Amino acid sequence: MVKVRMAAPVLQQNDEVAGENRELFNKKNVFVLNLMSSPGSGKTSILEKTIGKLSKLLKLGVIEGDIYTTRDAERIEKFGVPVVQINTDGACHLDARMVKPTLEDFDLDELDLLIVENVGNLVCPAEFDLGEDARAAVLSITEGNDKPVKYPLVFRQSKVVLLNKIDLLPYTDCEIELLEEDLKKINPELELFQVSARLDEGFAPWIAWLEEQVGLKKGS
């Protein structure tokens, strides 16, 4: 008979490091957002619009998670904000242990908001605490109605859902009322923002929400 010795659970180890990250973020009064979505939802485009609107109001930093390449980080770098790329080399998510070493590359005393763009995946990233203050999920109209009921965990754990590509609604079979109804059933506390990154529309409530969260973190 094969003997199996159980190592410490992966999530338990991750949670320990996430706690260390969170302690540091709290000490520095930096609001940290974990941005999650499936591939192709427009997450990076939303991040670009967000940085463009907030960079004159808040001091921002970005951690870019991707399996390979630095293309997303290069897009963000053009905005003049500090950005660090994490390549997971095949892993489908970021975890707290990946994030922790990158924090040395930021002057956290000079940051108000740190945004982590997680790897494009609606499953694995939701399982791993990074030490963040809040999670936001991007869901595009073109993905259809069924994503919330198929992948409820990411939406249950998020404080915000950004419904992107709203400009394409007339060209899809998406029933937005049903989509919003399913999201609210999964998480009644969700803030829902309809945006179009392509047309730069609908961002004001999202930007106001971020400013409010940063203010609350700093006690102002």
C-alpha atoms as a PDB file:
ATOM      1  CA  MET A   1       0.000   0.000   0.000  1.00  0.00           C
ATOM      2  CA  VAL A   2       1.276   3.441  -0.887  1.00  0.00           C
ATOM      3  CA  LYS A   3       1.610   5.741   2.108  1.00  0.00           C
ATOM      4  CA  VAL A   4       0.513   9.312   1.504  1.00  0.00           C
ATOM      5  CA  ARG A   5       1.821  12.102   3.703  1.00  0.00           C
ATOM      6  CA  MET A   6      -0.236  15.265   3.547  1.00  0.00           C
ATOM      7  CA  ALA A   7       1.784  18.448   3.329  1.00  0.00           C
ATOM      8  CA  ALA A   8       0.416  21.723   4.694  1.00  0.00           C
ATOM      9  CA  PRO A   9      -2.474  22.759   2.478  1.00  0.00           C
ATOM     10  CA  VAL A  10      -1.472  25.079  -0.348  1.00  0.00           C
ATOM     11  CA  LEU A  11      -4.243  27.526   0.496  1.00  0.00           C
ATOM     12  CA  GLN A  12      -3.205  27.604   4.142  1.00  0.00           C
ATOM     13  CA  GLN A  13       0.352  28.510   3.167  1.00  0.00           C
ATOM     14  CA  ASN A  14      -0.960  31.140   0.800  1.00  0.00           C
ATOM     15  CA  ASP A  15      -3.228  32.630   3.462  1.00  0.00           C
ATOM     16  CA  GLU A  16      -0.293  33.036   5.831  1.00  0.00           C
ATOM     17  CA  VAL A  17       1.626  35.094   3.272  1.00  0.00           C
ATOM     18  CA  ALA A  18      -1.537  36.982   2.311  1.00  0.00           C
ATOM     19  CA  GLY A  19      -1.846  37.992   5.949  1.00  0.00           C
ATOM     20  CA  GLU A  20       1.704  39.365   5.869  1.00  0.00           C
ATOM     21  CA  ASN A  21       0.932  41.296   2.693  1.00  0.00           C
ATOM     22  CA  ARG A  22      -2.262  42.696   4.207  1.00  0.00           C
ATOM     23  CA  GLU A  23      -0.444  43.792   7.342  1.00  0.00           C
ATOM     24  CA  LEU A  24       2.039  45.720   5.208  1.00  0.00           C
ATOM     25  CA  PHE A  25      -0.677  47.325   3.092  1.00  0.00           C
ATOM     26  CA  ASN A  26      -2.528  48.396   6.226  1.00  0.00           C
ATOM     27  CA  LYS A  27       0.618  49.816   7.759  1.00  0.00           C
ATOM     28  CA  LYS A  28       1.229  51.884   4.621  1.00  0.00           C
ATOM     29  CA  ASN A  29      -2.477  52.806   4.181  1.00  0.00           C
ATOM     30  CA  VAL A  30      -2.450  51.569   0.583  1.00  0.00           C
ATOM     31  CA  PHE A  31      -5.760  50.396  -0.857  1.00  0.00           C
ATOM     32  CA  VAL A  32      -5.170  47.215  -2.875  1.00  0.00           C
ATOM     33  CA  LEU A  33      -7.555  45.979  -5.559  1.00  0.00           C
ATOM     34  CA  ASN A  34      -7.477  42.513  -7.120  1.00  0.00           C
ATOM     35  CA  LEU A  35      -8.892  42.808 -10.664  1.00  0.00           C
ATOM     36  CA  MET A  36     -10.118  39.523 -12.139  1.00  0.00           C
ATOM     37  CA  SER A  37     -11.842  38.343 -15.315  1.00  0.00           C
ATOM     38  CA  SER A  38     -11.795  35.771 -18.073  1.00  0.00           C
ATOM     39  CA  PRO A  39      -9.463  36.345 -21.060  1.00  0.00           C
ATOM     40  CA  GLY A  40     -10.736  38.841 -23.602  1.00  0.00           C
ATOM     41  CA  SER A  41     -13.148  40.656 -21.295  1.00  0.00           C
ATOM     42  CA  GLY A  42     -11.312  43.952 -21.737  1.00  0.00           C
ATOM     43  CA  LYS A  43      -9.725  43.957 -18.281  1.00  0.00           C
ATOM     44  CA  THR A  44      -6.513  45.655 -19.388  1.00  0.00           C
ATOM     45  CA  SER A  45      -8.427  48.224 -21.445  1.00  0.00           C
ATOM     46  CA  ILE A  46     -10.512  49.054 -18.381  1.00  0.00           C
ATOM     47  CA  LEU A  47      -7.325  49.350 -16.349  1.00  0.00           C
ATOM     48  CA  GLU A  48      -5.882  51.757 -18.918  1.00  0.00           C
ATOM     49  CA  LYS A  49      -8.987  53.962 -18.769  1.00  0.00           C
ATOM     50  CA  THR A  50      -8.963  53.827 -14.977  1.00  0.00           C
ATOM     51  CA  ILE A  51      -5.323  54.864 -14.723  1.00  0.00           C
ATOM     52  CA  GLY A  52      -5.836  57.656 -17.221  1.00  0.00           C
ATOM     53  CA  LYS A  53      -8.648  59.108 -15.121  1.00  0.00           C
ATOM     54  CA  LEU A  54      -7.085  58.574 -11.689  1.00  0.00           C
ATOM     55  CA  SER A  55      -3.384  59.238 -12.222  1.00  0.00           C
ATOM     56  CA  LYS A  56      -3.786  62.983 -11.622  1.00  0.00           C
ATOM     57  CA  LEU A  57      -5.861  62.392  -8.489  1.00  0.00           C
ATOM     58  CA  LEU A  58      -4.112  59.465  -6.808  1.00  0.00           C
ATOM     59  CA  LYS A  59      -0.672  57.897  -6.697  1.00  0.00           C
ATOM     60  CA  LEU A  60      -1.000  54.540  -8.418  1.00  0.00           C
ATOM     61  CA  GLY A  61       0.964  51.339  -8.798  1.00  0.00           C
ATOM     62  CA  VAL A  62       0.150  48.238 -10.852  1.00  0.00           C
ATOM     63  CA  ILE A  63       1.097  44.566 -10.653  1.00  0.00           C
ATOM     64  CA  GLU A  64       0.453  42.766 -13.945  1.00  0.00           C
ATOM     65  CA  GLY A  65      -0.123  39.029 -13.823  1.00  0.00           C
ATOM     66  CA  ASP A  66       0.104  36.939 -16.971  1.00  0.00           C
ATOM     67  CA  ILE A  67       1.171  33.468 -17.953  1.00  0.00           C
ATOM     68  CA  TYR A  68       3.710  34.710 -20.488  1.00  0.00           C
ATOM     69  CA  THR A  69       4.843  37.991 -22.150  1.00  0.00           C
ATOM     70  CA  THR A  70       5.107  41.538 -20.794  1.00  0.00           C
ATOM     71  CA  ARG A  71       2.658  43.082 -23.259  1.00  0.00           C
ATOM     72  CA  ASP A  72       0.103  44.209 -20.691  1.00  0.00           C
ATOM     73  CA  ALA A  73       2.783  45.755 -18.482  1.00  0.00           C
ATOM     74  CA  GLU A  74       4.154  47.615 -21.485  1.00  0.00           C
ATOM     75  CA  ARG A  75       0.698  49.047 -22.145  1.00  0.00           C
ATOM     76  CA  ILE A  76       0.423  50.259 -18.537  1.00  0.00           C
ATOM     77  CA  GLU A  77       3.979  51.600 -18.430  1.00  0.00           C
ATOM     78  CA  LYS A  78       3.039  54.207 -21.041  1.00  0.00           C
ATOM     79  CA  PHE A  79       0.943  55.978 -18.403  1.00  0.00           C
ATOM     80  CA  GLY A  80       4.008  56.718 -16.295  1.00  0.00           C
ATOM     81  CA  VAL A  81       2.907  54.719 -13.249  1.00  0.00           C
ATOM     82  CA  PRO A  82       5.159  52.136 -11.555  1.00  0.00           C
ATOM     83  CA  VAL A  83       4.332  48.669 -12.851  1.00  0.00           C
ATOM     84  CA  VAL A  84       5.780  45.221 -12.170  1.00  0.00           C
ATOM     85  CA  GLN A  85       5.095  42.181 -14.343  1.00  0.00           C
ATOM     86  CA  ILE A  86       4.648  38.716 -12.841  1.00  0.00           C
ATOM     87  CA  ASN A  87       4.850  35.855 -15.343  1.00  0.00           C
ATOM     88  CA  THR A  88       3.437  32.671 -13.840  1.00  0.00           C
ATOM     89  CA  ASP A  89       4.996  30.405 -16.513  1.00  0.00           C
ATOM     90  CA  GLY A  90       1.867  28.288 -16.842  1.00  0.00           C
ATOM     91  CA  ALA A  91       0.059  28.856 -13.542  1.00  0.00           C
ATOM     92  CA  CYS A  92      -3.507  30.073 -14.008  1.00  0.00           C
ATOM     93  CA  HIS A  93      -3.515  32.586 -11.151  1.00  0.00           C
ATOM     94  CA  LEU A  94      -1.442  34.836  -8.943  1.00  0.00           C
ATOM     95  CA  ASP A  95      -0.968  33.952  -5.311  1.00  0.00           C
ATOM     96  CA  ALA A  96       0.264  35.863  -2.286  1.00  0.00           C
ATOM     97  CA  ARG A  97       3.734  34.347  -2.500  1.00  0.00           C
ATOM     98  CA  MET A  98       4.154  35.648  -6.048  1.00  0.00           C
ATOM     99  CA  VAL A  99       2.982  39.113  -5.044  1.00  0.00           C
ATOM    100  CA  LYS A 100       5.097  39.532  -1.916  1.00  0.00           C
ATOM    101  CA  PRO A 101       8.550  39.903  -3.593  1.00  0.00           C
ATOM    102  CA  THR A 102       7.221  42.511  -6.035  1.00  0.00           C
ATOM    103  CA  LEU A 103       6.284  44.835  -3.180  1.00  0.00           C
ATOM    104  CA  GLU A 104       9.967  45.680  -2.768  1.00  0.00           C
ATOM    105  CA  ASP A 105       9.825  47.312  -6.212  1.00  0.00           C
ATOM    106  CA  PHE A 106       7.273  49.893  -5.030  1.00  0.00           C
ATOM    107  CA  ASP A 107       7.635  52.809  -2.653  1.00  0.00           C
ATOM    108  CA  LEU A 108       4.475  51.958  -0.728  1.00  0.00           C
ATOM    109  CA  ASP A 109       4.793  55.156   1.313  1.00  0.00           C
ATOM    110  CA  GLU A 110       4.149  57.043  -1.918  1.00  0.00           C
ATOM    111  CA  LEU A 111       1.159  54.995  -3.134  1.00  0.00           C
ATOM    112  CA  ASP A 112      -2.550  55.500  -2.558  1.00  0.00           C
ATOM    113  CA  LEU A 113      -3.808  52.650  -4.730  1.00  0.00           C
ATOM    114  CA  LEU A 114      -2.203  49.406  -5.895  1.00  0.00           C
ATOM    115  CA  ILE A 115      -4.087  47.483  -8.583  1.00  0.00           C
ATOM    116  CA  VAL A 116      -3.269  43.840  -9.239  1.00  0.00           C
ATOM    117  CA  GLU A 117      -4.419  42.652 -12.655  1.00  0.00           C
ATOM    118  CA  ASN A 118      -4.751  38.919 -12.141  1.00  0.00           C
ATOM    119  CA  VAL A 119      -4.299  36.224 -14.780  1.00  0.00           C
ATOM    120  CA  GLY A 120      -7.291  35.934 -17.121  1.00  0.00           C
ATOM    121  CA  ASN A 121      -9.325  33.129 -15.540  1.00  0.00           C
ATOM    122  CA  LEU A 122     -12.675  32.985 -13.747  1.00  0.00           C
ATOM    123  CA  VAL A 123     -11.791  29.936 -11.630  1.00  0.00           C
ATOM    124  CA  CYS A 124      -8.340  29.766 -10.019  1.00  0.00           C
ATOM    125  CA  PRO A 125      -7.743  33.440  -9.080  1.00  0.00           C
ATOM    126  CA  ALA A 126     -10.839  33.464  -6.884  1.00  0.00           C
ATOM    127  CA  GLU A 127      -9.304  30.777  -4.670  1.00  0.00           C
ATOM    128  CA  PHE A 128      -6.202  32.736  -3.684  1.00  0.00           C
ATOM    129  CA  ASP A 129      -6.124  35.668  -1.275  1.00  0.00           C
ATOM    130  CA  LEU A 130      -3.365  38.140  -2.170  1.00  0.00           C
ATOM    131  CA  GLY A 131      -3.816  40.337   0.886  1.00  0.00           C
ATOM    132  CA  GLU A 132      -6.002  42.759  -1.073  1.00  0.00           C
ATOM    133  CA  ASP A 133      -8.700  45.032   0.350  1.00  0.00           C
ATOM    134  CA  ALA A 134     -11.234  44.281  -2.366  1.00  0.00           C
ATOM    135  CA  ARG A 135     -11.835  42.279  -5.508  1.00  0.00           C
ATOM    136  CA  ALA A 136     -13.416  43.534  -8.697  1.00  0.00           C
ATOM    137  CA  ALA A 137     -14.528  41.329 -11.570  1.00  0.00           C
ATOM    138  CA  VAL A 138     -14.813  42.341 -15.214  1.00  0.00           C
ATOM    139  CA  LEU A 139     -17.522  40.610 -17.232  1.00  0.00           C
ATOM    140  CA  SER A 140     -18.097  41.470 -20.878  1.00  0.00           C
ATOM    141  CA  ILE A 141     -21.469  41.490 -22.580  1.00  0.00           C
ATOM    142  CA  THR A 142     -20.054  39.272 -25.335  1.00  0.00           C
ATOM    143  CA  GLU A 143     -19.475  36.432 -22.852  1.00  0.00           C
ATOM    144  CA  GLY A 144     -23.215  35.881 -22.506  1.00  0.00           C
ATOM    145  CA  ASN A 145     -25.518  35.427 -19.548  1.00  0.00           C
ATOM    146  CA  ASP A 146     -24.239  32.225 -18.042  1.00  0.00           C
ATOM    147  CA  LYS A 147     -20.858  33.189 -16.568  1.00  0.00           C
ATOM    148  CA  PRO A 148     -22.143  34.222 -13.106  1.00  0.00           C
ATOM    149  CA  VAL A 149     -24.032  30.955 -12.552  1.00  0.00           C
ATOM    150  CA  LYS A 150     -21.184  28.862 -13.974  1.00  0.00           C
ATOM    151  CA  TYR A 151     -18.432  30.593 -11.983  1.00  0.00           C
ATOM    152  CA  PRO A 152     -20.176  32.006  -8.905  1.00  0.00           C
ATOM    153  CA  LEU A 153     -17.187  32.169  -6.543  1.00  0.00           C
ATOM    154  CA  VAL A 154     -15.421  35.040  -8.270  1.00  0.00           C
ATOM    155  CA  PHE A 155     -18.613  37.107  -8.233  1.00  0.00           C
ATOM    156  CA  ARG A 156     -19.509  36.111  -4.674  1.00  0.00           C
ATOM    157  CA  GLN A 157     -16.140  37.368  -3.454  1.00  0.00           C
ATOM    158  CA  SER A 158     -16.079  40.588  -5.470  1.00  0.00           C
ATOM    159  CA  LYS A 159     -17.304  43.954  -4.252  1.00  0.00           C
ATOM    160  CA  VAL A 160     -17.660  45.294  -7.786  1.00  0.00           C
ATOM    161  CA  VAL A 161     -18.560  43.904 -11.199  1.00  0.00           C
ATOM    162  CA  LEU A 162     -17.843  45.980 -14.272  1.00  0.00           C
ATOM    163  CA  LEU A 163     -20.065  44.973 -17.195  1.00  0.00           C
ATOM    164  CA  ASN A 164     -17.841  45.871 -20.130  1.00  0.00           C
ATOM    165  CA  LYS A 165     -18.525  46.205 -23.869  1.00  0.00           C
ATOM    166  CA  ILE A 166     -21.992  47.536 -23.139  1.00  0.00           C
ATOM    167  CA  ASP A 167     -21.875  49.239 -26.546  1.00  0.00           C
ATOM    168  CA  LEU A 168     -22.094  45.799 -28.172  1.00  0.00           C
ATOM    169  CA  LEU A 169     -25.324  44.841 -26.419  1.00  0.00           C
ATOM    170  CA  PRO A 170     -27.502  45.300 -29.566  1.00  0.00           C
ATOM    171  CA  TYR A 171     -25.284  42.823 -31.423  1.00  0.00           C
ATOM    172  CA  THR A 172     -25.449  39.999 -28.892  1.00  0.00           C
ATOM    173  CA  ASP A 173     -28.030  37.673 -27.384  1.00  0.00           C
ATOM    174  CA  CYS A 174     -27.114  38.833 -23.897  1.00  0.00           C
ATOM    175  CA  GLU A 175     -30.101  39.618 -21.662  1.00  0.00           C
ATOM    176  CA  ILE A 176     -28.650  42.224 -19.368  1.00  0.00           C
ATOM    177  CA  GLU A 177     -31.575  42.222 -16.918  1.00  0.00           C
ATOM    178  CA  LEU A 178     -31.195  38.472 -16.421  1.00  0.00           C
ATOM    179  CA  LEU A 179     -27.432  38.857 -16.058  1.00  0.00           C
ATOM    180  CA  GLU A 180     -27.813  41.499 -13.370  1.00  0.00           C
ATOM    181  CA  GLU A 181     -30.497  39.431 -11.629  1.00  0.00           C
ATOM    182  CA  ASP A 182     -28.171  36.411 -11.438  1.00  0.00           C
ATOM    183  CA  LEU A 183     -25.325  38.552 -10.116  1.00  0.00           C
ATOM    184  CA  LYS A 184     -27.504  40.011  -7.390  1.00  0.00           C
ATOM    185  CA  LYS A 185     -28.697  36.541  -6.376  1.00  0.00           C
ATOM    186  CA  ILE A 186     -25.092  35.429  -6.022  1.00  0.00           C
ATOM    187  CA  ASN A 187     -24.015  38.576  -4.176  1.00  0.00           C
ATOM    188  CA  PRO A 188     -26.681  41.091  -3.140  1.00  0.00           C
ATOM    189  CA  GLU A 189     -23.993  43.542  -2.000  1.00  0.00           C
ATOM    190  CA  LEU A 190     -22.374  43.853  -5.431  1.00  0.00           C
ATOM    191  CA  GLU A 191     -21.829  47.252  -6.992  1.00  0.00           C
ATOM    192  CA  LEU A 192     -22.611  46.961 -10.714  1.00  0.00           C
ATOM    193  CA  PHE A 193     -21.122  49.410 -13.210  1.00  0.00           C
ATOM    194  CA  GLN A 194     -21.910  49.292 -16.924  1.00  0.00           C
ATOM    195  CA  VAL A 195     -18.972  50.539 -18.986  1.00  0.00           C
ATOM    196  CA  SER A 196     -17.579  50.613 -22.480  1.00  0.00           C
ATOM    197  CA  ALA A 197     -13.801  50.753 -22.521  1.00  0.00           C
ATOM    198  CA  ARG A 198     -13.831  51.156 -26.284  1.00  0.00           C
ATOM    199  CA  LEU A 199     -16.064  54.236 -26.172  1.00  0.00           C
ATOM    200  CA  ASP A 200     -14.764  55.444 -22.784  1.00  0.00           C
ATOM    201  CA  GLU A 201     -18.279  55.529 -21.334  1.00  0.00           C
ATOM    202  CA  GLY A 202     -19.751  54.820 -17.909  1.00  0.00           C
ATOM    203  CA  PHE A 203     -16.554  55.184 -15.875  1.00  0.00           C
ATOM    204  CA  ALA A 204     -17.574  58.024 -13.521  1.00  0.00           C
ATOM    205  CA  PRO A 205     -19.289  55.811 -10.872  1.00  0.00           C
ATOM    206  CA  TRP A 206     -16.379  53.346 -10.945  1.00  0.00           C
ATOM    207  CA  ILE A 207     -13.799  56.100 -10.492  1.00  0.00           C
ATOM    208  CA  ALA A 208     -15.853  57.635  -7.670  1.00  0.00           C
ATOM    209  CA  TRP A 209     -16.022  54.214  -5.964  1.00  0.00           C
ATOM    210  CA  LEU A 210     -12.243  53.822  -6.104  1.00  0.00           C
ATOM    211  CA  GLU A 211     -11.668  57.319  -4.741  1.00  0.00           C
ATOM    212  CA  GLU A 212     -14.069  56.581  -1.895  1.00  0.00           C
ATOM    213  CA  GLN A 213     -12.313  53.309  -1.020  1.00  0.00           C
ATOM    214  CA  VAL A 214      -8.904  54.971  -0.994  1.00  0.00           C
ATOM    215  CA  GLY A 215     -10.256  57.733   1.232  1.00  0.00           C
ATOM    216  CA  LEU A 216     -11.719  55.216   3.657  1.00  0.00           C
ATOM    217  CA  LYS A 217      -8.424  53.315   3.804  1.00  0.00           C
ATOM    218  CA  LYS A 218      -6.536  56.491   4.608  1.00  0.00           C
ATOM    219  CA  GLY A 219      -9.139  57.497   7.182  1.00  0.00           C
ATOM    220  CA  SER A 220     -10.166  60.673   5.390  1.00  0.00           C
END
